[in-house]
Amino acid sequence: MKKPSLKHVLTISWILFVLGILLILFGYWFRAFWLIIAALFVMLAAIIFLAVFNRCPHCGRFLGHAGGASFCPHCGRPLKG
């Protein structure tokens, strides 16, 4: 399996977070508790996805908030999107 690019990782994680927020809002609006539980699982999946794939392609360390940066804060090498 080919590792996704950092740009794709950030895009997918944002989509999952927005989906989770929308599910929470719909769950509250329709009084459907199961939608809120599903939203929590979607948001947990986004966090796990970021923890696994948001890493420097050179040193392999977690990028954290530096996912949109141009250089790795640990090794200093350029990050390709």
Protein backbone atom coordinates (compact mmCIF):
# COMPACT_ATOMS: atom_id res chain seq x y z
CA MET A 1 0.00 0.00 0.00
CA LYS A 2 1.37 3.36 -1.02
CA LYS A 3 1.65 5.94 1.74
CA PRO A 4 -0.58 9.00 1.11
CA SER A 5 1.03 12.41 0.68
CA LEU A 6 0.91 14.89 3.55
CA LYS A 7 -1.52 17.06 1.62
CA HIS A 8 -3.93 14.14 1.24
CA VAL A 9 -3.53 13.21 4.91
CA LEU A 10 -4.51 16.70 6.02
CA THR A 11 -7.41 16.87 3.56
CA ILE A 12 -8.82 13.51 4.65
CA SER A 13 -8.48 14.35 8.34
CA TRP A 14 -10.27 17.71 7.88
CA ILE A 15 -13.08 16.00 5.98
CA LEU A 16 -13.48 13.46 8.79
CA PHE A 17 -13.54 16.19 11.45
CA VAL A 18 -16.13 18.24 9.55
CA LEU A 19 -18.23 15.11 9.02
CA GLY A 20 -18.04 14.41 12.75
CA ILE A 21 -19.17 17.92 13.62
CA LEU A 22 -22.05 17.70 11.15
CA LEU A 23 -23.13 14.37 12.61
CA ILE A 24 -23.11 15.88 16.11
CA LEU A 25 -25.24 18.80 14.93
CA PHE A 26 -27.71 16.52 13.11
CA GLY A 27 -27.84 14.22 16.12
CA TYR A 28 -28.69 17.11 18.37
CA TRP A 29 -31.18 18.57 15.91
CA PHE A 30 -33.03 15.27 15.29
CA ARG A 31 -32.60 14.08 18.90
CA ALA A 32 -30.80 10.98 17.62
CA PHE A 33 -28.24 9.89 20.19
CA TRP A 34 -26.85 7.23 17.84
CA LEU A 35 -25.72 9.97 15.42
CA ILE A 36 -23.70 11.60 18.18
CA ILE A 37 -22.06 8.26 19.03
CA ALA A 38 -21.28 7.71 15.32
CA ALA A 39 -19.77 11.21 15.18
CA LEU A 40 -17.46 10.39 18.08
CA PHE A 41 -16.24 7.28 16.24
CA VAL A 42 -15.65 9.32 13.06
CA MET A 43 -13.64 11.91 15.00
CA LEU A 44 -11.66 9.17 16.75
CA ALA A 45 -10.89 7.70 13.32
CA ALA A 46 -9.60 11.11 12.20
CA ILE A 47 -7.30 11.34 15.22
CA ILE A 48 -5.95 7.84 14.66
CA PHE A 49 -5.48 8.55 10.94
CA LEU A 50 -3.45 11.68 11.77
CA ALA A 51 -1.36 9.86 14.37
CA VAL A 52 -0.47 7.12 11.88
CA PHE A 53 0.08 9.10 8.67
CA ASN A 54 1.06 12.68 9.66
CA ARG A 55 4.77 11.90 9.78
CA CYS A 56 7.92 13.23 8.16
CA PRO A 57 8.80 11.17 5.07
CA HIS A 58 12.51 11.45 5.98
CA CYS A 59 12.85 10.87 9.72
CA GLY A 60 9.41 9.36 10.36
CA ARG A 61 8.66 11.51 13.40
CA PHE A 62 5.19 12.86 14.10
CA LEU A 63 4.68 16.34 12.63
CA GLY A 64 1.93 17.48 15.01
CA HIS A 65 0.77 20.99 14.15
CA ALA A 66 3.55 21.34 11.60
CA GLY A 67 1.60 19.30 9.05
CA GLY A 68 1.16 22.36 6.82
CA ALA A 69 4.77 23.50 7.22
CA SER A 70 7.41 23.44 4.50
CA PHE A 71 10.14 21.83 6.62
CA CYS A 72 10.19 19.11 9.25
CA PRO A 73 10.64 20.66 12.72
CA HIS A 74 12.74 17.63 13.79
CA CYS A 75 15.19 16.99 10.94
CA GLY A 76 14.83 20.26 9.00
CA ARG A 77 14.41 18.56 5.62
CA PRO A 78 11.80 19.90 3.18
CA LEU A 79 8.36 18.33 3.18
CA LYS A 80 6.75 17.57 -0.14
CA GLY A 81 2.94 17.85 -0.19
